[in-house]
């Protein structure tokens, strides 16, 4: 119990829980892509929001932003688990049940969840 583990070199990243970690992370993501017609929200997860009456317009805007993020992920060697992504559409009617597909890392989003308001 009172022994040290073997040392291991870390080639990337910041030690979790370090005091400088949040500042370094903020610098790291400073150039994350932003788009004109979508809103990028970040806290513990990332959300991309788009609003329009036309679902095709939303699909184009979101896919454009997802492509920009994909390029950024590749540039900074960030791996994304696409199976954990989800598209959620909030609508005041069920008429958008056939929302066009979204793509991330050349894969279709795993599913769309409709939330009627």
PDB file of N, CA and C in Angstrom:
ATOM      1  N   UNK A   1       0.813  -1.184   0.000  1.00  0.00           N
ATOM      2  CA  UNK A   1       0.000   0.000   0.000  1.00  0.00           C
ATOM      3  C   UNK A   1       0.863   1.255   0.000  1.00  0.00           C
ATOM      4  N   UNK A   2       1.942   1.280   0.710  1.00  0.00           N
ATOM      5  CA  UNK A   2       2.805   2.457   0.768  1.00  0.00           C
ATOM      6  C   UNK A   2       3.914   2.368  -0.266  1.00  0.00           C
ATOM      7  N   UNK A   3       3.542   2.207  -1.510  1.00  0.00           N
ATOM      8  CA  UNK A   3       4.541   2.143  -2.569  1.00  0.00           C
ATOM      9  C   UNK A   3       4.084   2.979  -3.750  1.00  0.00           C
ATOM     10  N   UNK A   4       5.025   3.341  -4.572  1.00  0.00           N
ATOM     11  CA  UNK A   4       4.734   4.153  -5.756  1.00  0.00           C
ATOM     12  C   UNK A   4       4.573   3.258  -6.966  1.00  0.00           C
ATOM     13  N   UNK A   5       3.731   3.676  -7.876  1.00  0.00           N
ATOM     14  CA  UNK A   5       3.599   2.945  -9.132  1.00  0.00           C
ATOM     15  C   UNK A   5       4.752   3.338 -10.052  1.00  0.00           C
ATOM     16  N   UNK A   6       4.933   2.560 -11.107  1.00  0.00           N
ATOM     17  CA  UNK A   6       5.995   2.868 -12.065  1.00  0.00           C
ATOM     18  C   UNK A   6       5.658   4.150 -12.807  1.00  0.00           C
ATOM     19  N   UNK A   7       6.668   4.898 -13.173  1.00  0.00           N
ATOM     20  CA  UNK A   7       6.450   6.129 -13.938  1.00  0.00           C
ATOM     21  C   UNK A   7       6.162   5.782 -15.387  1.00  0.00           C
ATOM     22  N   UNK A   8       5.402   6.643 -16.009  1.00  0.00           N
ATOM     23  CA  UNK A   8       5.054   6.448 -17.413  1.00  0.00           C
ATOM     24  C   UNK A   8       4.971   7.816 -18.066  1.00  0.00           C
ATOM     25  N   UNK A   9       5.588   7.949 -19.222  1.00  0.00           N
ATOM     26  CA  UNK A   9       5.543   9.217 -19.950  1.00  0.00           C
ATOM     27  C   UNK A   9       4.154   9.462 -20.519  1.00  0.00           C
ATOM     28  N   UNK A  10       3.704  10.694 -20.431  1.00  0.00           N
ATOM     29  CA  UNK A  10       2.433  11.105 -21.020  1.00  0.00           C
ATOM     30  C   UNK A  10       2.757  12.002 -22.201  1.00  0.00           C
ATOM     31  N   UNK A  11       2.326  11.598 -23.389  1.00  0.00           N
ATOM     32  CA  UNK A  11       2.651  12.349 -24.599  1.00  0.00           C
ATOM     33  C   UNK A  11       1.637  13.437 -24.924  1.00  0.00           C
ATOM     34  N   UNK A  12       0.487  13.391 -24.309  1.00  0.00           N
ATOM     35  CA  UNK A  12      -0.550  14.390 -24.592  1.00  0.00           C
ATOM     36  C   UNK A  12      -1.481  14.476 -23.399  1.00  0.00           C
ATOM     37  N   UNK A  13      -2.177  15.595 -23.313  1.00  0.00           N
ATOM     38  CA  UNK A  13      -3.182  15.744 -22.275  1.00  0.00           C
ATOM     39  C   UNK A  13      -2.685  16.506 -21.069  1.00  0.00           C
ATOM     40  N   UNK A  14      -3.583  16.680 -20.131  1.00  0.00           N
ATOM     41  CA  UNK A  14      -3.317  17.384 -18.882  1.00  0.00           C
ATOM     42  C   UNK A  14      -3.797  16.477 -17.760  1.00  0.00           C
ATOM     43  N   UNK A  15      -3.031  16.408 -16.703  1.00  0.00           N
ATOM     44  CA  UNK A  15      -3.419  15.565 -15.575  1.00  0.00           C
ATOM     45  C   UNK A  15      -4.776  16.003 -15.037  1.00  0.00           C
ATOM     46  N   UNK A  16      -5.673  15.032 -14.880  1.00  0.00           N
ATOM     47  CA  UNK A  16      -7.008  15.336 -14.382  1.00  0.00           C
ATOM     48  C   UNK A  16      -6.919  15.855 -12.954  1.00  0.00           C
ATOM     49  N   UNK A  17      -7.634  16.931 -12.677  1.00  0.00           N
ATOM     50  CA  UNK A  17      -7.642  17.514 -11.350  1.00  0.00           C
ATOM     51  C   UNK A  17      -6.540  18.527 -11.103  1.00  0.00           C
ATOM     52  N   UNK A  18      -5.699  18.777 -12.106  1.00  0.00           N
ATOM     53  CA  UNK A  18      -4.629  19.759 -11.911  1.00  0.00           C
ATOM     54  C   UNK A  18      -5.213  21.168 -11.859  1.00  0.00           C
ATOM     55  N   UNK A  19      -4.532  22.057 -11.173  1.00  0.00           N
ATOM     56  CA  UNK A  19      -5.022  23.429 -11.041  1.00  0.00           C
ATOM     57  C   UNK A  19      -4.982  24.176 -12.365  1.00  0.00           C
ATOM     58  N   UNK A  20      -4.015  23.865 -13.191  1.00  0.00           N
ATOM     59  CA  UNK A  20      -3.874  24.579 -14.460  1.00  0.00           C
ATOM     60  C   UNK A  20      -4.698  23.923 -15.576  1.00  0.00           C
ATOM     61  N   UNK A  21      -5.265  22.743 -15.314  1.00  0.00           N
ATOM     62  CA  UNK A  21      -6.016  21.998 -16.320  1.00  0.00           C
ATOM     63  C   UNK A  21      -7.122  22.780 -17.004  1.00  0.00           C
ATOM     64  N   UNK A  22      -8.037  23.424 -16.257  1.00  0.00           N
ATOM     65  CA  UNK A  22      -9.117  24.171 -16.911  1.00  0.00           C
ATOM     66  C   UNK A  22      -8.617  25.301 -17.812  1.00  0.00           C
ATOM     67  N   UNK A  23      -7.556  25.976 -17.388  1.00  0.00           N
ATOM     68  CA  UNK A  23      -6.998  27.056 -18.216  1.00  0.00           C
ATOM     69  C   UNK A  23      -6.384  26.492 -19.486  1.00  0.00           C
ATOM     70  N   UNK A  24      -5.631  25.412 -19.360  1.00  0.00           N
ATOM     71  CA  UNK A  24      -5.034  24.798 -20.547  1.00  0.00           C
ATOM     72  C   UNK A  24      -6.108  24.274 -21.493  1.00  0.00           C
ATOM     73  N   UNK A  25      -7.179  23.697 -20.945  1.00  0.00           N
ATOM     74  CA  UNK A  25      -8.267  23.212 -21.786  1.00  0.00           C
ATOM     75  C   UNK A  25      -8.940  24.366 -22.521  1.00  0.00           C
ATOM     76  N   UNK A  26      -9.156  25.483 -21.832  1.00  0.00           N
ATOM     77  CA  UNK A  26      -9.764  26.658 -22.473  1.00  0.00           C
ATOM     78  C   UNK A  26      -8.894  27.157 -23.619  1.00  0.00           C
ATOM     79  N   UNK A  27      -7.589  27.142 -23.436  1.00  0.00           N
ATOM     80  CA  UNK A  27      -6.682  27.537 -24.521  1.00  0.00           C
ATOM     81  C   UNK A  27      -6.743  26.528 -25.665  1.00  0.00           C
ATOM     82  N   UNK A  28      -6.826  25.255 -25.322  1.00  0.00           N
ATOM     83  CA  UNK A  28      -6.845  24.181 -26.309  1.00  0.00           C
ATOM     84  C   UNK A  28      -8.058  24.286 -27.231  1.00  0.00           C
ATOM     85  N   UNK A  29      -9.209  24.613 -26.664  1.00  0.00           N
ATOM     86  CA  UNK A  29     -10.427  24.657 -27.477  1.00  0.00           C
ATOM     87  C   UNK A  29     -10.753  26.062 -27.973  1.00  0.00           C
ATOM     88  N   UNK A  30      -9.850  26.992 -27.775  1.00  0.00           N
ATOM     89  CA  UNK A  30     -10.099  28.378 -28.171  1.00  0.00           C
ATOM     90  C   UNK A  30     -10.441  28.517 -29.653  1.00  0.00           C
ATOM     91  N   UNK A  31      -9.884  27.661 -30.489  1.00  0.00           N
ATOM     92  CA  UNK A  31     -10.137  27.769 -31.929  1.00  0.00           C
ATOM     93  C   UNK A  31     -11.197  26.784 -32.425  1.00  0.00           C
ATOM     94  N   UNK A  32     -12.020  26.262 -31.520  1.00  0.00           N
ATOM     95  CA  UNK A  32     -13.078  25.338 -31.943  1.00  0.00           C
ATOM     96  C   UNK A  32     -14.001  26.066 -32.926  1.00  0.00           C
ATOM     97  N   UNK A  33     -14.377  25.408 -34.012  1.00  0.00           N
ATOM     98  CA  UNK A  33     -15.161  26.085 -35.054  1.00  0.00           C
ATOM     99  C   UNK A  33     -16.528  26.563 -34.581  1.00  0.00           C
ATOM    100  N   UNK A  34     -16.855  27.749 -35.006  1.00  0.00           N
ATOM    101  CA  UNK A  34     -18.182  28.325 -34.775  1.00  0.00           C
ATOM    102  C   UNK A  34     -18.794  28.601 -36.145  1.00  0.00           C
ATOM    103  N   UNK A  35     -20.091  28.561 -36.223  1.00  0.00           N
ATOM    104  CA  UNK A  35     -20.783  28.779 -37.484  1.00  0.00           C
ATOM    105  C   UNK A  35     -21.779  29.914 -37.325  1.00  0.00           C
ATOM    106  N   UNK A  36     -22.092  30.531 -38.447  1.00  0.00           N
ATOM    107  CA  UNK A  36     -22.993  31.680 -38.485  1.00  0.00           C
ATOM    108  C   UNK A  36     -24.408  31.342 -38.016  1.00  0.00           C
ATOM    109  N   UNK A  37     -24.936  30.200 -38.446  1.00  0.00           N
ATOM    110  CA  UNK A  37     -26.354  29.912 -38.217  1.00  0.00           C
ATOM    111  C   UNK A  37     -26.607  28.813 -37.184  1.00  0.00           C
ATOM    112  N   UNK A  38     -25.609  28.500 -36.370  1.00  0.00           N
ATOM    113  CA  UNK A  38     -25.785  27.547 -35.279  1.00  0.00           C
ATOM    114  C   UNK A  38     -25.141  28.123 -34.026  1.00  0.00           C
ATOM    115  N   UNK A  39     -25.494  27.553 -32.891  1.00  0.00           N
ATOM    116  CA  UNK A  39     -24.951  28.004 -31.614  1.00  0.00           C
ATOM    117  C   UNK A  39     -24.267  26.820 -30.952  1.00  0.00           C
ATOM    118  N   UNK A  40     -23.012  26.986 -30.577  1.00  0.00           N
ATOM    119  CA  UNK A  40     -22.254  25.935 -29.911  1.00  0.00           C
ATOM    120  C   UNK A  40     -22.278  26.198 -28.414  1.00  0.00           C
ATOM    121  N   UNK A  41     -22.774  25.229 -27.646  1.00  0.00           N
ATOM    122  CA  UNK A  41     -22.856  25.362 -26.191  1.00  0.00           C
ATOM    123  C   UNK A  41     -21.982  24.278 -25.570  1.00  0.00           C
ATOM    124  N   UNK A  42     -21.168  24.664 -24.611  1.00  0.00           N
ATOM    125  CA  UNK A  42     -20.279  23.689 -23.986  1.00  0.00           C
ATOM    126  C   UNK A  42     -20.356  23.794 -22.473  1.00  0.00           C
ATOM    127  N   UNK A  43     -20.417  22.650 -21.828  1.00  0.00           N
ATOM    128  CA  UNK A  43     -20.280  22.568 -20.380  1.00  0.00           C
ATOM    129  C   UNK A  43     -19.583  21.244 -20.114  1.00  0.00           C
ATOM    130  N   UNK A  44     -20.300  20.216 -19.733  1.00  0.00           N
ATOM    131  CA  UNK A  44     -19.687  18.903 -19.603  1.00  0.00           C
ATOM    132  C   UNK A  44     -19.762  18.145 -20.920  1.00  0.00           C
ATOM    133  N   UNK A  45     -20.728  18.489 -21.720  1.00  0.00           N
ATOM    134  CA  UNK A  45     -20.877  17.936 -23.057  1.00  0.00           C
ATOM    135  C   UNK A  45     -21.009  19.110 -24.010  1.00  0.00           C
ATOM    136  N   UNK A  46     -21.023  18.813 -25.272  1.00  0.00           N
ATOM    137  CA  UNK A  46     -21.152  19.862 -26.274  1.00  0.00           C
ATOM    138  C   UNK A  46     -22.500  19.713 -26.963  1.00  0.00           C
ATOM    139  N   UNK A  47     -23.150  20.830 -27.214  1.00  0.00           N
ATOM    140  CA  UNK A  47     -24.425  20.832 -27.927  1.00  0.00           C
ATOM    141  C   UNK A  47     -24.343  21.858 -29.046  1.00  0.00           C
ATOM    142  N   UNK A  48     -24.856  21.487 -30.198  1.00  0.00           N
ATOM    143  CA  UNK A  48     -24.969  22.416 -31.320  1.00  0.00           C
ATOM    144  C   UNK A  48     -26.457  22.651 -31.527  1.00  0.00           C
ATOM    145  N   UNK A  49     -26.852  23.900 -31.504  1.00  0.00           N
ATOM    146  CA  UNK A  49     -28.269  24.238 -31.626  1.00  0.00           C
ATOM    147  C   UNK A  49     -28.523  24.971 -32.931  1.00  0.00           C
ATOM    148  N   UNK A  50     -29.622  24.632 -33.579  1.00  0.00           N
ATOM    149  CA  UNK A  50     -30.061  25.341 -34.784  1.00  0.00           C
ATOM    150  C   UNK A  50     -31.571  25.478 -34.703  1.00  0.00           C
ATOM    151  N   UNK A  51     -32.073  26.588 -35.231  1.00  0.00           N
ATOM    152  CA  UNK A  51     -33.513  26.845 -35.151  1.00  0.00           C
ATOM    153  C   UNK A  51     -34.005  27.361 -36.496  1.00  0.00           C
ATOM    154  N   UNK A  52     -35.061  26.727 -36.990  1.00  0.00           N
ATOM    155  CA  UNK A  52     -35.690  27.162 -38.226  1.00  0.00           C
ATOM    156  C   UNK A  52     -36.982  26.372 -38.391  1.00  0.00           C
ATOM    157  N   UNK A  53     -37.916  26.903 -39.153  1.00  0.00           N
ATOM    158  CA  UNK A  53     -39.164  26.176 -39.416  1.00  0.00           C
ATOM    159  C   UNK A  53     -38.964  25.066 -40.437  1.00  0.00           C
ATOM    160  N   UNK A  54     -37.910  25.154 -41.220  1.00  0.00           N
ATOM    161  CA  UNK A  54     -37.642  24.180 -42.266  1.00  0.00           C
ATOM    162  C   UNK A  54     -36.608  23.165 -41.776  1.00  0.00           C
ATOM    163  N   UNK A  55     -36.988  21.886 -41.601  1.00  0.00           N
ATOM    164  CA  UNK A  55     -36.035  20.891 -41.108  1.00  0.00           C
ATOM    165  C   UNK A  55     -34.849  20.679 -42.043  1.00  0.00           C
ATOM    166  N   UNK A  56     -35.047  20.886 -43.346  1.00  0.00           N
ATOM    167  CA  UNK A  56     -33.925  20.739 -44.277  1.00  0.00           C
ATOM    168  C   UNK A  56     -32.867  21.812 -44.039  1.00  0.00           C
ATOM    169  N   UNK A  57     -33.296  23.025 -43.719  1.00  0.00           N
ATOM    170  CA  UNK A  57     -32.359  24.099 -43.403  1.00  0.00           C
ATOM    171  C   UNK A  57     -31.568  23.749 -42.138  1.00  0.00           C
ATOM    172  N   UNK A  58     -32.260  23.200 -41.140  1.00  0.00           N
ATOM    173  CA  UNK A  58     -31.597  22.802 -39.898  1.00  0.00           C
ATOM    174  C   UNK A  58     -30.564  21.720 -40.184  1.00  0.00           C
ATOM    175  N   UNK A  59     -30.940  20.746 -41.006  1.00  0.00           N
ATOM    176  CA  UNK A  59     -30.016  19.664 -41.347  1.00  0.00           C
ATOM    177  C   UNK A  59     -28.767  20.207 -42.022  1.00  0.00           C
ATOM    178  N   UNK A  60     -28.929  21.113 -42.969  1.00  0.00           N
ATOM    179  CA  UNK A  60     -27.778  21.696 -43.670  1.00  0.00           C
ATOM    180  C   UNK A  60     -26.886  22.449 -42.684  1.00  0.00           C
ATOM    181  N   UNK A  61     -27.494  23.266 -41.832  1.00  0.00           N
ATOM    182  CA  UNK A  61     -26.719  24.052 -40.866  1.00  0.00           C
ATOM    183  C   UNK A  61     -25.968  23.149 -39.890  1.00  0.00           C
ATOM    184  N   UNK A  62     -26.650  22.133 -39.360  1.00  0.00           N
ATOM    185  CA  UNK A  62     -26.002  21.239 -38.403  1.00  0.00           C
ATOM    186  C   UNK A  62     -24.911  20.406 -39.060  1.00  0.00           C
ATOM    187  N   UNK A  63     -25.167  19.878 -40.252  1.00  0.00           N
ATOM    188  CA  UNK A  63     -24.139  19.090 -40.933  1.00  0.00           C
ATOM    189  C   UNK A  63     -22.923  19.943 -41.283  1.00  0.00           C
ATOM    190  N   UNK A  64     -23.137  21.193 -41.638  1.00  0.00           N
ATOM    191  CA  UNK A  64     -22.015  22.094 -41.929  1.00  0.00           C
ATOM    192  C   UNK A  64     -21.167  22.296 -40.667  1.00  0.00           C
ATOM    193  N   UNK A  65     -21.833  22.492 -39.538  1.00  0.00           N
ATOM    194  CA  UNK A  65     -21.104  22.679 -38.283  1.00  0.00           C
ATOM    195  C   UNK A  65     -20.414  21.380 -37.855  1.00  0.00           C
ATOM    196  N   UNK A  66     -21.093  20.251 -38.016  1.00  0.00           N
ATOM    197  CA  UNK A  66     -20.483  18.965 -37.677  1.00  0.00           C
ATOM    198  C   UNK A  66     -19.246  18.696 -38.524  1.00  0.00           C
ATOM    199  N   UNK A  67     -19.287  19.060 -39.799  1.00  0.00           N
ATOM    200  CA  UNK A  67     -18.118  18.874 -40.673  1.00  0.00           C
ATOM    201  C   UNK A  67     -16.954  19.747 -40.205  1.00  0.00           C
ATOM    202  N   UNK A  68     -17.232  20.992 -39.830  1.00  0.00           N
ATOM    203  CA  UNK A  68     -16.174  21.874 -39.318  1.00  0.00           C
ATOM    204  C   UNK A  68     -15.580  21.300 -38.031  1.00  0.00           C
ATOM    205  N   UNK A  69     -16.437  20.770 -37.154  1.00  0.00           N
ATOM    206  CA  UNK A  69     -15.942  20.152 -35.924  1.00  0.00           C
ATOM    207  C   UNK A  69     -15.132  18.897 -36.226  1.00  0.00           C
ATOM    208  N   UNK A  70     -15.586  18.115 -37.192  1.00  0.00           N
ATOM    209  CA  UNK A  70     -14.862  16.908 -37.585  1.00  0.00           C
ATOM    210  C   UNK A  70     -13.446  17.257 -38.034  1.00  0.00           C
ATOM    211  N   UNK A  71     -13.315  18.279 -38.861  1.00  0.00           N
ATOM    212  CA  UNK A  71     -11.988  18.718 -39.307  1.00  0.00           C
ATOM    213  C   UNK A  71     -11.138  19.156 -38.119  1.00  0.00           C
ATOM    214  N   UNK A  72     -11.761  19.839 -37.159  1.00  0.00           N
ATOM    215  CA  UNK A  72     -11.048  20.299 -35.966  1.00  0.00           C
ATOM    216  C   UNK A  72     -10.607  19.107 -35.114  1.00  0.00           C
ATOM    217  N   UNK A  73     -11.491  18.103 -34.963  1.00  0.00           N
ATOM    218  CA  UNK A  73     -11.133  16.902 -34.201  1.00  0.00           C
ATOM    219  C   UNK A  73      -9.925  16.212 -34.824  1.00  0.00           C
ATOM    220  N   UNK A  74      -9.925  16.100 -36.140  1.00  0.00           N
ATOM    221  CA  UNK A  74      -8.812  15.456 -36.839  1.00  0.00           C
ATOM    222  C   UNK A  74      -7.533  16.262 -36.644  1.00  0.00           C
ATOM    223  N   UNK A  75      -7.632  17.571 -36.788  1.00  0.00           N
ATOM    224  CA  UNK A  75      -6.459  18.445 -36.632  1.00  0.00           C
ATOM    225  C   UNK A  75      -5.809  18.268 -35.263  1.00  0.00           C
ATOM    226  N   UNK A  76      -6.624  18.196 -34.217  1.00  0.00           N
ATOM    227  CA  UNK A  76      -6.099  18.126 -32.853  1.00  0.00           C
ATOM    228  C   UNK A  76      -6.076  16.705 -32.298  1.00  0.00           C
ATOM    229  N   UNK A  77      -6.294  15.712 -33.184  1.00  0.00           N
ATOM    230  CA  UNK A  77      -6.219  14.298 -32.804  1.00  0.00           C
ATOM    231  C   UNK A  77      -7.163  13.944 -31.641  1.00  0.00           C
ATOM    232  N   UNK A  78      -8.386  14.433 -31.743  1.00  0.00           N
ATOM    233  CA  UNK A  78      -9.409  14.134 -30.743  1.00  0.00           C
ATOM    234  C   UNK A  78     -10.297  13.022 -31.288  1.00  0.00           C
ATOM    235  N   UNK A  79     -10.447  11.968 -30.517  1.00  0.00           N
ATOM    236  CA  UNK A  79     -11.299  10.860 -30.935  1.00  0.00           C
ATOM    237  C   UNK A  79     -12.710  11.066 -30.391  1.00  0.00           C
ATOM    238  N   UNK A  80     -13.682  10.831 -31.245  1.00  0.00           N
ATOM    239  CA  UNK A  80     -15.090  11.004 -30.895  1.00  0.00           C
ATOM    240  C   UNK A  80     -15.782   9.647 -30.947  1.00  0.00           C
ATOM    241  N   UNK A  81     -16.578   9.359 -29.949  1.00  0.00           N
ATOM    242  CA  UNK A  81     -17.385   8.149 -29.953  1.00  0.00           C
ATOM    243  C   UNK A  81     -18.747   8.516 -30.549  1.00  0.00           C
ATOM    244  N   UNK A  82     -18.887   8.296 -31.841  1.00  0.00           N
ATOM    245  CA  UNK A  82     -20.101   8.700 -32.554  1.00  0.00           C
ATOM    246  C   UNK A  82     -21.331   7.993 -31.999  1.00  0.00           C
ATOM    247  N   UNK A  83     -21.161   6.786 -31.499  1.00  0.00           N
ATOM    248  CA  UNK A  83     -22.321   6.053 -30.975  1.00  0.00           C
ATOM    249  C   UNK A  83     -22.919   6.732 -29.743  1.00  0.00           C
ATOM    250  N   UNK A  84     -22.187   7.645 -29.123  1.00  0.00           N
ATOM    251  CA  UNK A  84     -22.709   8.363 -27.958  1.00  0.00           C
ATOM    252  C   UNK A  84     -23.331   9.701 -28.332  1.00  0.00           C
ATOM    253  N   UNK A  85     -23.345  10.034 -29.614  1.00  0.00           N
ATOM    254  CA  UNK A  85     -23.966  11.291 -30.032  1.00  0.00           C
ATOM    255  C   UNK A  85     -25.449  11.062 -30.274  1.00  0.00           C
ATOM    256  N   UNK A  86     -26.204  12.110 -30.138  1.00  0.00           N
ATOM    257  CA  UNK A  86     -27.645  11.986 -30.326  1.00  0.00           C
ATOM    258  C   UNK A  86     -28.199  13.296 -30.862  1.00  0.00           C
ATOM    259  N   UNK A  87     -29.121  13.179 -31.781  1.00  0.00           N
ATOM    260  CA  UNK A  87     -29.831  14.345 -32.301  1.00  0.00           C
ATOM    261  C   UNK A  87     -31.198  14.393 -31.631  1.00  0.00           C
ATOM    262  N   UNK A  88     -31.540  15.537 -31.108  1.00  0.00           N
ATOM    263  CA  UNK A  88     -32.843  15.713 -30.464  1.00  0.00           C
ATOM    264  C   UNK A  88     -33.528  16.903 -31.112  1.00  0.00           C
ATOM    265  N   UNK A  89     -34.756  16.700 -31.568  1.00  0.00           N
ATOM    266  CA  UNK A  89     -35.507  17.792 -32.177  1.00  0.00           C
ATOM    267  C   UNK A  89     -36.672  18.158 -31.264  1.00  0.00           C
ATOM    268  N   UNK A  90     -36.736  19.431 -30.937  1.00  0.00           N
ATOM    269  CA  UNK A  90     -37.850  19.953 -30.152  1.00  0.00           C
ATOM    270  C   UNK A  90     -38.798  20.640 -31.124  1.00  0.00           C
ATOM    271  N   UNK A  91     -40.051  20.230 -31.128  1.00  0.00           N
ATOM    272  CA  UNK A  91     -41.017  20.796 -32.071  1.00  0.00           C
ATOM    273  C   UNK A  91     -42.384  20.877 -31.398  1.00  0.00           C
ATOM    274  N   UNK A  92     -43.216  21.755 -31.927  1.00  0.00           N
ATOM    275  CA  UNK A  92     -44.565  21.863 -31.374  1.00  0.00           C
ATOM    276  C   UNK A  92     -45.553  21.021 -32.173  1.00  0.00           C
ATOM    277  N   UNK A  93     -45.052  20.173 -33.050  1.00  0.00           N
ATOM    278  CA  UNK A  93     -45.914  19.286 -33.838  1.00  0.00           C
ATOM    279  C   UNK A  93     -45.134  18.023 -34.186  1.00  0.00           C
ATOM    280  N   UNK A  94     -45.838  16.967 -34.492  1.00  0.00           N
ATOM    281  CA  UNK A  94     -45.197  15.701 -34.860  1.00  0.00           C
ATOM    282  C   UNK A  94     -44.912  15.614 -36.359  1.00  0.00           C
ATOM    283  N   UNK A  95     -45.132  16.654 -37.091  1.00  0.00           N
ATOM    284  CA  UNK A  95     -44.975  16.591 -38.548  1.00  0.00           C
ATOM    285  C   UNK A  95     -43.523  16.432 -38.988  1.00  0.00           C
ATOM    286  N   UNK A  96     -42.575  16.557 -38.075  1.00  0.00           N
ATOM    287  CA  UNK A  96     -41.163  16.437 -38.432  1.00  0.00           C
ATOM    288  C   UNK A  96     -40.598  15.064 -38.088  1.00  0.00           C
ATOM    289  N   UNK A  97     -41.415  14.052 -38.130  1.00  0.00           N
ATOM    290  CA  UNK A  97     -40.971  12.706 -37.770  1.00  0.00           C
ATOM    291  C   UNK A  97     -39.883  12.191 -38.706  1.00  0.00           C
ATOM    292  N   UNK A  98     -39.803  12.712 -39.917  1.00  0.00           N
ATOM    293  CA  UNK A  98     -38.793  12.250 -40.873  1.00  0.00           C
ATOM    294  C   UNK A  98     -37.688  13.296 -41.033  1.00  0.00           C
ATOM    295  N   UNK A  99     -37.075  13.669 -39.922  1.00  0.00           N
ATOM    296  CA  UNK A  99     -36.000  14.660 -39.944  1.00  0.00           C
ATOM    297  C   UNK A  99     -34.822  14.114 -40.747  1.00  0.00           C
ATOM    298  N   UNK A 100     -34.237  14.927 -41.633  1.00  0.00           N
ATOM    299  CA  UNK A 100     -33.116  14.461 -42.460  1.00  0.00           C
ATOM    300  C   UNK A 100     -31.924  14.029 -41.602  1.00  0.00           C
ATOM    301  N   UNK A 101     -31.109  13.086 -42.094  1.00  0.00           N
ATOM    302  CA  UNK A 101     -29.997  12.548 -41.296  1.00  0.00           C
ATOM    303  C   UNK A 101     -28.869  13.560 -41.083  1.00  0.00           C
ATOM    304  N   UNK A 102     -28.170  13.383 -39.971  1.00  0.00           N
ATOM    305  CA  UNK A 102     -26.990  14.179 -39.658  1.00  0.00           C
ATOM    306  C   UNK A 102     -25.776  13.262 -39.715  1.00  0.00           C
ATOM    307  N   UNK A 103     -24.622  13.820 -40.072  1.00  0.00           N
ATOM    308  CA  UNK A 103     -23.401  13.019 -40.185  1.00  0.00           C
ATOM    309  C   UNK A 103     -22.314  13.578 -39.276  1.00  0.00           C
ATOM    310  N   UNK A 104     -21.590  12.659 -38.632  1.00  0.00           N
ATOM    311  CA  UNK A 104     -20.412  13.012 -37.852  1.00  0.00           C
ATOM    312  C   UNK A 104     -19.373  11.937 -38.091  1.00  0.00           C
ATOM    313  N   UNK A 105     -18.193  12.352 -38.488  1.00  0.00           N
ATOM    314  CA  UNK A 105     -17.096  11.437 -38.787  1.00  0.00           C
ATOM    315  C   UNK A 105     -17.546  10.393 -39.819  1.00  0.00           C
ATOM    316  N   UNK A 106     -18.200  10.850 -40.854  1.00  0.00           N
ATOM    317  CA  UNK A 106     -18.719  10.067 -41.982  1.00  0.00           C
ATOM    318  C   UNK A 106     -19.776   9.038 -41.577  1.00  0.00           C
ATOM    319  N   UNK A 107     -20.252   9.072 -40.352  1.00  0.00           N
ATOM    320  CA  UNK A 107     -21.297   8.149 -39.915  1.00  0.00           C
ATOM    321  C   UNK A 107     -22.596   8.909 -39.718  1.00  0.00           C
ATOM    322  N   UNK A 108     -23.693   8.248 -39.996  1.00  0.00           N
ATOM    323  CA  UNK A 108     -24.993   8.843 -39.718  1.00  0.00           C
ATOM    324  C   UNK A 108     -25.215   8.886 -38.221  1.00  0.00           C
ATOM    325  N   UNK A 109     -25.895   9.915 -37.770  1.00  0.00           N
ATOM    326  CA  UNK A 109     -26.221   9.978 -36.344  1.00  0.00           C
ATOM    327  C   UNK A 109     -27.070   8.762 -35.996  1.00  0.00           C
ATOM    328  N   UNK A 110     -26.859   8.197 -34.801  1.00  0.00           N
ATOM    329  CA  UNK A 110     -27.536   6.947 -34.461  1.00  0.00           C
ATOM    330  C   UNK A 110     -29.045   7.040 -34.377  1.00  0.00           C
ATOM    331  N   UNK A 111     -29.569   8.206 -34.194  1.00  0.00           N
ATOM    332  CA  UNK A 111     -31.018   8.291 -34.126  1.00  0.00           C
ATOM    333  C   UNK A 111     -31.476   9.681 -33.782  1.00  0.00           C
ATOM    334  N   UNK A 112     -32.729   9.899 -34.007  1.00  0.00           N
ATOM    335  CA  UNK A 112     -33.332  11.189 -33.699  1.00  0.00           C
ATOM    336  C   UNK A 112     -34.432  10.945 -32.690  1.00  0.00           C
ATOM    337  N   UNK A 113     -34.411  11.742 -31.668  1.00  0.00           N
ATOM    338  CA  UNK A 113     -35.464  11.670 -30.664  1.00  0.00           C
ATOM    339  C   UNK A 113     -36.307  12.919 -30.814  1.00  0.00           C
ATOM    340  N   UNK A 114     -37.598  12.756 -30.970  1.00  0.00           N
ATOM    341  CA  UNK A 114     -38.522  13.889 -31.069  1.00  0.00           C
ATOM    342  C   UNK A 114     -39.079  14.215 -29.696  1.00  0.00           C
ATOM    343  N   UNK A 115     -39.106  15.484 -29.381  1.00  0.00           N
ATOM    344  CA  UNK A 115     -39.742  15.952 -28.158  1.00  0.00           C
ATOM    345  C   UNK A 115     -40.767  16.983 -28.578  1.00  0.00           C
ATOM    346  N   UNK A 116     -42.034  16.649 -28.451  1.00  0.00           N
ATOM    347  CA  UNK A 116     -43.088  17.598 -28.822  1.00  0.00           C
ATOM    348  C   UNK A 116     -43.381  18.513 -27.650  1.00  0.00           C
ATOM    349  N   UNK A 117     -43.559  19.776 -27.967  1.00  0.00           N
ATOM    350  CA  UNK A 117     -43.828  20.783 -26.937  1.00  0.00           C
ATOM    351  C   UNK A 117     -45.252  21.263 -27.071  1.00  0.00           C
TER     352      UNK A 117
END
